[in-house]
Amino acid sequence: MKFLFMLKFQGKVALVTGSGTGIGKAISEKFVENGASVIILGRRKEPLEDAAKALEEIISKVQSNGFVKIFSGVDVSDEVAVNKMFDSLKESNTNVDIVVNNAGVSGPVTCFANSSLDEFKSTVAIHLTGTFWTSVQALRVMKEGAKIITISTFFAEERPLEQRPYRFRDPYTASQGAKNRLAEAMSWELTDKGIISIATNPGPVHSDRIYKTVYPKAASEFMRVSGFEDL
């Protein structure tokens, strides 16, 4: 059993986008394991309800004072849906200490010459525009000392011995790289508000998404890179 004084995030509220499955769900679980309350959101109701049940079980196990709040049907690329969610949080006087911009899609897997503009736009709308607008609106319910964490990918990093964009995933790679720069820009501009903005670039992790977009043998090889514990 964990005692309250041992819970790192006791009394904190974290909002995690795209948190019904995958990385977002795992991040939410880590928050509640350490005493935080979580606000989970996404497009699909059923995965969010399943995630909420698991999170509430963890809260009961660690005996924290945390809570779970669900916003289903929230697509981060939908300005109106995002606005309404933060309207609701504002009206209920819910302050958010940590925002995790996690929502994303795999995007098309195709060679550059066969790219579709609509697919490019939809991928950028979720990864980049969604991160931007969620962060802007989140400021309405954040105070000094709060943090904005943006989940990007190691495929967008420049490495000393290797530059490795995600081949055949141009919309995904481009929008993730832009998210890193956005997080950096926010870190400068939010200094006067006392809000920290960072981006983190995990490698492939265990999730349904990677098995849907990568051949099973290749996906299993990727798993040596990182698991959720490394986030």
Protein backbone atom coordinates (compact mmCIF):
# COMPACT_ATOMS: atom_id res chain seq x y z
CA MET A 1 0.00 0.00 0.00
CA LYS A 2 1.18 3.51 -0.78
CA PHE A 3 0.69 6.24 1.81
CA LEU A 4 -0.42 9.67 0.71
CA PHE A 5 2.90 11.31 1.55
CA MET A 6 4.59 8.88 -0.85
CA LEU A 7 2.41 9.82 -3.82
CA LYS A 8 4.35 12.24 -6.01
CA PHE A 9 1.32 13.75 -7.74
CA GLN A 10 -1.15 13.78 -4.87
CA GLY A 11 -3.51 16.73 -5.33
CA LYS A 12 -2.45 17.31 -8.94
CA VAL A 13 -4.73 17.14 -11.97
CA ALA A 14 -3.41 15.85 -15.30
CA LEU A 15 -5.20 16.12 -18.64
CA VAL A 16 -4.09 13.56 -21.22
CA THR A 17 -5.32 13.70 -24.81
CA GLY A 18 -5.89 10.49 -26.73
CA SER A 19 -5.97 8.56 -23.47
CA GLY A 20 -8.39 5.72 -24.14
CA THR A 21 -5.67 3.38 -25.41
CA GLY A 22 -1.93 3.05 -25.98
CA ILE A 23 0.59 5.54 -24.68
CA GLY A 24 -2.09 7.95 -23.42
CA LYS A 25 -3.73 5.28 -21.29
CA ALA A 26 -0.37 4.14 -19.90
CA ILE A 27 0.59 7.71 -19.00
CA SER A 28 -2.76 8.19 -17.26
CA GLU A 29 -2.20 5.01 -15.26
CA LYS A 30 1.20 6.24 -14.09
CA PHE A 31 -0.32 9.51 -12.97
CA VAL A 32 -3.03 7.88 -10.86
CA GLU A 33 -0.55 5.34 -9.45
CA ASN A 34 1.26 8.37 -8.05
CA GLY A 35 -1.81 10.07 -6.64
CA ALA A 36 -2.96 12.38 -9.44
CA SER A 37 -6.46 12.92 -10.74
CA VAL A 38 -6.80 12.54 -14.50
CA ILE A 39 -8.95 13.99 -17.23
CA ILE A 40 -9.07 11.60 -20.17
CA LEU A 41 -10.44 12.37 -23.60
CA GLY A 42 -10.68 11.02 -27.09
CA ARG A 43 -12.98 10.34 -29.99
CA ARG A 44 -14.30 6.95 -28.93
CA LYS A 45 -16.49 6.45 -25.86
CA GLU A 46 -15.98 2.74 -25.19
CA PRO A 47 -12.16 2.74 -24.83
CA LEU A 48 -12.39 5.78 -22.55
CA GLU A 49 -14.94 4.06 -20.32
CA ASP A 50 -12.74 0.95 -20.11
CA ALA A 51 -9.73 3.12 -19.32
CA ALA A 52 -11.66 5.02 -16.65
CA LYS A 53 -12.63 1.78 -14.94
CA ALA A 54 -9.00 0.65 -14.83
CA LEU A 55 -7.88 4.04 -13.54
CA GLU A 56 -10.49 4.07 -10.79
CA GLU A 57 -9.32 0.63 -9.67
CA ILE A 58 -5.79 1.97 -9.37
CA ILE A 59 -7.00 4.98 -7.38
CA SER A 60 -8.79 2.65 -4.99
CA LYS A 61 -5.69 0.47 -4.66
CA VAL A 62 -3.31 3.32 -3.82
CA GLN A 63 -5.97 4.96 -1.63
CA SER A 64 -5.47 8.42 -3.06
CA ASN A 65 -7.98 11.26 -3.27
CA GLY A 66 -7.84 11.25 -7.04
CA PHE A 67 -10.70 11.27 -9.52
CA VAL A 68 -11.22 10.42 -13.18
CA LYS A 69 -13.16 12.66 -15.54
CA ILE A 70 -14.07 11.62 -19.10
CA PHE A 71 -14.65 13.79 -22.17
CA SER A 72 -15.67 11.44 -24.97
CA GLY A 73 -16.18 12.54 -28.55
CA VAL A 74 -13.39 15.11 -28.29
CA ASP A 75 -11.27 15.16 -31.43
CA VAL A 76 -8.35 17.52 -30.80
CA SER A 77 -8.53 18.68 -34.42
CA ASP A 78 -12.08 19.93 -33.74
CA GLU A 79 -11.81 23.49 -32.43
CA VAL A 80 -15.38 23.58 -31.15
CA ALA A 81 -15.06 20.30 -29.22
CA VAL A 82 -11.83 21.43 -27.59
CA ASN A 83 -13.34 24.81 -26.68
CA LYS A 84 -16.40 23.17 -25.11
CA MET A 85 -14.26 20.85 -23.01
CA PHE A 86 -12.27 23.71 -21.54
CA ASP A 87 -15.46 25.74 -21.09
CA SER A 88 -16.75 22.88 -18.93
CA LEU A 89 -13.54 22.70 -16.91
CA LYS A 90 -13.55 26.45 -16.40
CA GLU A 91 -17.19 26.47 -15.29
CA SER A 92 -16.51 23.68 -12.77
CA ASN A 93 -13.45 25.52 -11.41
CA THR A 94 -11.18 22.62 -12.34
CA ASN A 95 -7.54 23.66 -12.48
CA VAL A 96 -5.15 21.55 -14.55
CA ASP A 97 -1.56 21.13 -13.40
CA ILE A 98 -0.25 19.00 -16.27
CA VAL A 99 -1.38 18.76 -19.89
CA VAL A 100 -0.06 15.88 -21.97
CA ASN A 101 -0.49 16.38 -25.71
CA ASN A 102 -0.54 12.74 -26.72
CA ALA A 103 -3.36 12.38 -29.27
CA GLY A 104 -2.20 11.30 -32.68
CA VAL A 105 -2.73 9.10 -35.70
CA SER A 106 -0.37 6.99 -37.75
CA GLY A 107 -1.26 8.79 -40.94
CA PRO A 108 -0.86 7.32 -44.41
CA VAL A 109 1.88 4.83 -45.19
CA THR A 110 2.89 5.60 -48.76
CA CYS A 111 5.76 6.91 -50.83
CA PHE A 112 6.03 10.67 -51.18
CA ALA A 113 5.11 10.72 -54.88
CA ASN A 114 1.75 9.10 -54.14
CA SER A 115 0.86 11.35 -51.21
CA SER A 116 -2.64 12.72 -50.73
CA LEU A 117 -3.14 16.33 -49.68
CA ASP A 118 -6.27 15.44 -47.70
CA GLU A 119 -4.39 12.77 -45.75
CA PHE A 120 -1.56 15.21 -45.10
CA LYS A 121 -4.00 17.83 -43.81
CA SER A 122 -5.85 15.39 -41.55
CA THR A 123 -2.61 14.09 -40.02
CA VAL A 124 -1.28 17.59 -39.37
CA ALA A 125 -4.67 18.68 -37.99
CA ILE A 126 -4.52 16.08 -35.24
CA HIS A 127 -0.83 16.10 -34.40
CA LEU A 128 0.13 19.74 -34.83
CA THR A 129 -3.05 21.82 -34.88
CA GLY A 130 -4.55 19.72 -32.10
CA THR A 131 -1.48 20.17 -29.92
CA PHE A 132 -1.44 23.91 -30.62
CA TRP A 133 -5.09 24.57 -29.86
CA THR A 134 -5.31 22.26 -26.86
CA SER A 135 -2.32 24.07 -25.34
CA VAL A 136 -3.79 27.52 -26.06
CA GLN A 137 -7.12 26.63 -24.47
CA ALA A 138 -5.49 24.84 -21.54
CA LEU A 139 -3.98 28.12 -20.38
CA ARG A 140 -7.48 29.10 -19.26
CA VAL A 141 -7.35 26.49 -16.50
CA MET A 142 -3.62 26.47 -15.69
CA LYS A 143 -1.67 28.42 -13.08
CA GLU A 144 1.96 29.20 -12.37
CA GLY A 145 3.96 26.01 -11.96
CA ALA A 146 1.88 24.03 -14.45
CA LYS A 147 3.42 21.97 -17.24
CA ILE A 148 2.61 21.19 -20.88
CA ILE A 149 4.19 17.96 -22.11
CA THR A 150 4.06 17.16 -25.81
CA ILE A 151 4.59 13.59 -27.01
CA SER A 152 6.49 13.52 -30.28
CA THR A 153 8.72 10.76 -31.73
CA PHE A 154 12.39 9.90 -31.93
CA PHE A 155 12.00 9.76 -35.70
CA ALA A 156 11.91 13.57 -35.62
CA GLU A 157 15.20 13.91 -33.75
CA GLU A 158 18.54 14.90 -35.23
CA ARG A 159 21.13 12.46 -33.94
CA PRO A 160 24.93 12.83 -34.05
CA LEU A 161 25.45 9.68 -36.09
CA GLU A 162 22.08 9.31 -37.74
CA GLN A 163 19.22 11.35 -39.13
CA ARG A 164 16.30 8.99 -39.37
CA PRO A 165 12.98 10.33 -40.62
CA TYR A 166 10.14 7.84 -40.72
CA ARG A 167 10.27 6.60 -44.31
CA PHE A 168 6.94 6.49 -46.16
CA ARG A 169 5.31 8.40 -43.28
CA ASP A 170 5.94 11.96 -44.43
CA PRO A 171 2.83 13.65 -42.93
CA TYR A 172 3.48 11.96 -39.59
CA THR A 173 7.18 12.81 -39.50
CA ALA A 174 6.64 16.42 -40.61
CA SER A 175 3.93 17.12 -38.05
CA GLN A 176 5.91 15.51 -35.24
CA GLY A 177 8.98 17.57 -36.04
CA ALA A 178 6.84 20.70 -36.01
CA LYS A 179 5.45 19.73 -32.61
CA ASN A 180 8.97 19.74 -31.19
CA ARG A 181 9.54 23.28 -32.40
CA LEU A 182 6.10 24.34 -31.14
CA ALA A 183 6.92 22.99 -27.69
CA GLU A 184 10.19 24.91 -27.75
CA ALA A 185 8.45 28.12 -28.82
CA MET A 186 5.86 27.71 -26.05
CA SER A 187 8.62 27.22 -23.49
CA TRP A 188 9.95 30.69 -24.29
CA GLU A 189 6.61 32.45 -24.49
CA LEU A 190 5.11 30.92 -21.34
CA THR A 191 8.05 31.79 -19.10
CA ASP A 192 6.32 34.90 -17.80
CA LYS A 193 3.33 32.78 -16.77
CA GLY A 194 5.53 30.32 -14.91
CA ILE A 195 4.37 27.45 -17.13
CA ILE A 196 6.87 24.89 -18.42
CA SER A 197 6.59 23.40 -21.91
CA ILE A 198 8.64 20.39 -22.99
CA ALA A 199 8.52 17.74 -25.71
CA THR A 200 9.60 14.15 -25.33
CA ASN A 201 10.49 11.82 -28.18
CA PRO A 202 9.82 8.16 -27.33
CA GLY A 203 10.71 5.34 -29.67
CA PRO A 204 8.25 2.61 -30.70
CA VAL A 205 6.39 1.13 -27.74
CA HIS A 206 3.95 -1.69 -27.13
CA SER A 207 0.58 -0.54 -28.52
CA ASP A 208 -2.09 -1.59 -30.98
CA ARG A 209 -1.11 1.19 -33.37
CA ILE A 210 2.35 -0.09 -34.17
CA TYR A 211 1.03 -3.56 -34.97
CA LYS A 212 -1.51 -2.04 -37.35
CA THR A 213 1.07 -0.04 -39.30
CA VAL A 214 4.17 -2.25 -39.18
CA TYR A 215 4.53 -5.88 -40.23
CA PRO A 216 4.38 -8.11 -37.11
CA LYS A 217 7.98 -9.33 -37.42
CA ALA A 218 9.30 -5.79 -37.77
CA ALA A 219 7.06 -4.60 -34.95
CA SER A 220 8.41 -7.24 -32.58
CA GLU A 221 11.94 -6.11 -33.45
CA PHE A 222 10.98 -2.51 -32.67
CA MET A 223 9.85 -3.53 -29.20
CA ARG A 224 13.45 -3.76 -28.06
CA VAL A 225 13.60 0.04 -28.36
CA SER A 226 11.31 0.98 -25.51
CA GLY A 227 8.30 0.09 -23.42
CA PHE A 228 5.87 2.28 -21.51
CA GLU A 229 8.14 2.23 -18.46
CA ASP A 230 10.69 4.28 -20.42
CA LEU A 231 8.35 7.21 -21.06
